[in-house]
Amino acid sequence: MSDLGPIEERIAHLERVSDELSEVVARQDADIARLTRRVEMLLAREVERSLDQGATIPLGDQKPPHW
């Protein structure tokens, strides 16, 4: 009968690494969702500010002065 010890150790190691990577991906997904909400909020705030100052085109849609 073959010795399964080293194979079982490798499988246990791979399962642990897989679990750790899964946690990292889940954390990154939450961070991306949070940052996306913040960017959307900041863009909306900037549009409001631009319109309050009398701008006809939102700042994000304006061409840079060198164009």
N, C-alpha and C. Protein backbone atom coordinates (compact mmCIF):
# COMPACT_ATOMS: atom_id res chain seq x y z
N MET A 1 0.85 -1.19 0.00
CA MET A 1 0.00 0.00 0.00
C MET A 1 0.89 1.25 0.00
N SER A 2 0.50 2.28 -0.75
CA SER A 2 1.32 3.48 -0.87
C SER A 2 1.16 4.37 0.35
N ASP A 3 2.16 5.24 0.54
CA ASP A 3 2.16 6.17 1.67
C ASP A 3 1.42 7.45 1.28
N LEU A 4 0.26 7.72 1.87
CA LEU A 4 -0.55 8.90 1.54
C LEU A 4 -0.19 10.12 2.38
N GLY A 5 0.69 9.99 3.35
CA GLY A 5 1.04 11.10 4.25
C GLY A 5 1.40 12.38 3.52
N PRO A 6 2.40 12.34 2.63
CA PRO A 6 2.79 13.59 1.94
C PRO A 6 1.67 14.15 1.07
N ILE A 7 0.88 13.29 0.46
CA ILE A 7 -0.23 13.76 -0.37
C ILE A 7 -1.28 14.44 0.49
N GLU A 8 -1.59 13.83 1.63
CA GLU A 8 -2.58 14.43 2.54
C GLU A 8 -2.09 15.77 3.07
N GLU A 9 -0.79 15.88 3.33
CA GLU A 9 -0.22 17.15 3.80
C GLU A 9 -0.35 18.22 2.72
N ARG A 10 -0.06 17.86 1.48
CA ARG A 10 -0.18 18.82 0.38
C ARG A 10 -1.62 19.26 0.19
N ILE A 11 -2.55 18.32 0.28
CA ILE A 11 -3.97 18.67 0.14
C ILE A 11 -4.40 19.62 1.25
N ALA A 12 -3.97 19.33 2.49
CA ALA A 12 -4.31 20.20 3.62
C ALA A 12 -3.74 21.60 3.39
N HIS A 13 -2.50 21.66 2.91
CA HIS A 13 -1.87 22.95 2.65
C HIS A 13 -2.64 23.70 1.55
N LEU A 14 -2.98 23.02 0.47
CA LEU A 14 -3.72 23.65 -0.62
C LEU A 14 -5.10 24.12 -0.18
N GLU A 15 -5.76 23.36 0.67
CA GLU A 15 -7.07 23.78 1.18
C GLU A 15 -6.94 25.05 2.02
N ARG A 16 -5.88 25.11 2.84
CA ARG A 16 -5.67 26.29 3.68
C ARG A 16 -5.38 27.51 2.81
N VAL A 17 -4.54 27.35 1.81
CA VAL A 17 -4.21 28.46 0.90
C VAL A 17 -5.47 28.90 0.14
N SER A 18 -6.26 27.95 -0.30
CA SER A 18 -7.49 28.27 -1.01
C SER A 18 -8.45 29.07 -0.11
N ASP A 19 -8.58 28.66 1.14
CA ASP A 19 -9.44 29.39 2.08
C ASP A 19 -8.93 30.81 2.32
N GLU A 20 -7.60 30.94 2.47
CA GLU A 20 -7.02 32.27 2.69
C GLU A 20 -7.26 33.17 1.47
N LEU A 21 -7.07 32.63 0.28
CA LEU A 21 -7.29 33.42 -0.94
C LEU A 21 -8.75 33.81 -1.09
N SER A 22 -9.63 32.92 -0.71
CA SER A 22 -11.06 33.21 -0.77
C SER A 22 -11.40 34.38 0.16
N GLU A 23 -10.81 34.40 1.34
CA GLU A 23 -11.04 35.51 2.28
C GLU A 23 -10.50 36.82 1.70
N VAL A 24 -9.34 36.76 1.07
CA VAL A 24 -8.76 37.97 0.46
C VAL A 24 -9.67 38.50 -0.63
N VAL A 25 -10.16 37.62 -1.49
CA VAL A 25 -11.04 38.04 -2.58
C VAL A 25 -12.33 38.64 -2.03
N ALA A 26 -12.89 38.04 -1.00
CA ALA A 26 -14.12 38.56 -0.40
C ALA A 26 -13.87 39.95 0.20
N ARG A 27 -12.74 40.13 0.85
CA ARG A 27 -12.40 41.43 1.43
C ARG A 27 -12.20 42.47 0.33
N GLN A 28 -11.52 42.09 -0.75
CA GLN A 28 -11.31 43.01 -1.86
C GLN A 28 -12.63 43.39 -2.53
N ASP A 29 -13.54 42.43 -2.64
CA ASP A 29 -14.85 42.72 -3.23
C ASP A 29 -15.59 43.76 -2.39
N ALA A 30 -15.54 43.61 -1.07
CA ALA A 30 -16.19 44.58 -0.19
C ALA A 30 -15.52 45.95 -0.32
N ASP A 31 -14.19 45.98 -0.40
CA ASP A 31 -13.47 47.25 -0.55
C ASP A 31 -13.83 47.93 -1.87
N ILE A 32 -13.88 47.16 -2.95
CA ILE A 32 -14.23 47.73 -4.26
C ILE A 32 -15.64 48.29 -4.24
N ALA A 33 -16.58 47.58 -3.64
CA ALA A 33 -17.96 48.07 -3.56
C ALA A 33 -18.02 49.37 -2.75
N ARG A 34 -17.30 49.43 -1.63
CA ARG A 34 -17.28 50.63 -0.80
C ARG A 34 -16.67 51.80 -1.56
N LEU A 35 -15.55 51.56 -2.24
CA LEU A 35 -14.89 52.63 -2.99
C LEU A 35 -15.73 53.10 -4.17
N THR A 36 -16.41 52.18 -4.82
CA THR A 36 -17.30 52.55 -5.93
C THR A 36 -18.41 53.47 -5.44
N ARG A 37 -19.00 53.14 -4.28
CA ARG A 37 -20.05 54.01 -3.72
C ARG A 37 -19.49 55.40 -3.41
N ARG A 38 -18.27 55.45 -2.87
CA ARG A 38 -17.67 56.75 -2.55
C ARG A 38 -17.41 57.57 -3.80
N VAL A 39 -16.90 56.94 -4.84
CA VAL A 39 -16.63 57.66 -6.09
C VAL A 39 -17.93 58.19 -6.68
N GLU A 40 -18.97 57.36 -6.68
CA GLU A 40 -20.26 57.81 -7.20
C GLU A 40 -20.78 59.00 -6.40
N MET A 41 -20.62 58.95 -5.08
CA MET A 41 -21.07 60.05 -4.22
C MET A 41 -20.27 61.32 -4.54
N LEU A 42 -18.96 61.18 -4.69
CA LEU A 42 -18.13 62.34 -5.00
C LEU A 42 -18.45 62.93 -6.37
N LEU A 43 -18.71 62.08 -7.35
CA LEU A 43 -19.08 62.57 -8.67
C LEU A 43 -20.41 63.32 -8.62
N ALA A 44 -21.37 62.77 -7.91
CA ALA A 44 -22.67 63.44 -7.79
C ALA A 44 -22.51 64.78 -7.08
N ARG A 45 -21.69 64.80 -6.05
CA ARG A 45 -21.45 66.04 -5.32
C ARG A 45 -20.79 67.08 -6.21
N GLU A 46 -19.85 66.64 -7.04
CA GLU A 46 -19.15 67.57 -7.93
C GLU A 46 -20.09 68.12 -9.00
N VAL A 47 -20.98 67.30 -9.52
CA VAL A 47 -21.97 67.77 -10.49
C VAL A 47 -22.84 68.84 -9.85
N GLU A 48 -23.31 68.58 -8.64
CA GLU A 48 -24.14 69.57 -7.94
C GLU A 48 -23.37 70.87 -7.74
N ARG A 49 -22.12 70.76 -7.32
CA ARG A 49 -21.30 71.95 -7.08
C ARG A 49 -21.09 72.72 -8.37
N SER A 50 -20.82 72.01 -9.45
CA SER A 50 -20.61 72.68 -10.74
C SER A 50 -21.87 73.39 -11.19
N LEU A 51 -23.02 72.75 -11.03
CA LEU A 51 -24.28 73.37 -11.45
C LEU A 51 -24.62 74.55 -10.56
N ASP A 52 -24.30 74.47 -9.27
CA ASP A 52 -24.55 75.59 -8.36
C ASP A 52 -23.70 76.80 -8.74
N GLN A 53 -22.55 76.57 -9.35
CA GLN A 53 -21.68 77.68 -9.73
C GLN A 53 -22.01 78.20 -11.12
N GLY A 54 -23.07 77.68 -11.72
CA GLY A 54 -23.51 78.19 -13.01
C GLY A 54 -22.90 77.49 -14.21
N ALA A 55 -22.18 76.43 -13.99
CA ALA A 55 -21.60 75.71 -15.13
C ALA A 55 -22.71 75.01 -15.90
N THR A 56 -22.60 75.04 -17.21
CA THR A 56 -23.62 74.38 -18.02
C THR A 56 -23.24 72.93 -18.33
N ILE A 57 -21.94 72.64 -18.32
CA ILE A 57 -21.47 71.28 -18.58
C ILE A 57 -20.80 70.78 -17.29
N PRO A 58 -21.19 69.61 -16.80
CA PRO A 58 -20.53 69.09 -15.59
C PRO A 58 -19.02 69.03 -15.79
N LEU A 59 -18.30 69.32 -14.72
CA LEU A 59 -16.84 69.40 -14.77
C LEU A 59 -16.22 68.13 -15.36
N GLY A 60 -16.75 66.98 -15.02
CA GLY A 60 -16.19 65.73 -15.52
C GLY A 60 -16.34 65.56 -17.01
N ASP A 61 -17.29 66.29 -17.63
CA ASP A 61 -17.52 66.18 -19.06
C ASP A 61 -16.85 67.29 -19.86
N GLN A 62 -16.25 68.25 -19.17
CA GLN A 62 -15.60 69.36 -19.86
C GLN A 62 -14.26 68.91 -20.44
N LYS A 63 -13.89 69.47 -21.60
CA LYS A 63 -12.60 69.17 -22.19
C LYS A 63 -11.53 69.99 -21.45
N PRO A 64 -10.35 69.43 -21.30
CA PRO A 64 -9.26 70.19 -20.68
C PRO A 64 -8.94 71.43 -21.50
N PRO A 65 -8.40 72.49 -20.87
CA PRO A 65 -8.15 73.75 -21.57
C PRO A 65 -7.19 73.62 -22.74
N HIS A 66 -6.32 72.66 -22.76
CA HIS A 66 -5.35 72.55 -23.85
C HIS A 66 -5.92 71.90 -25.10
N TRP A 67 -7.19 71.52 -25.13
CA TRP A 67 -7.80 70.89 -26.31
C TRP A 67 -8.30 71.93 -27.23
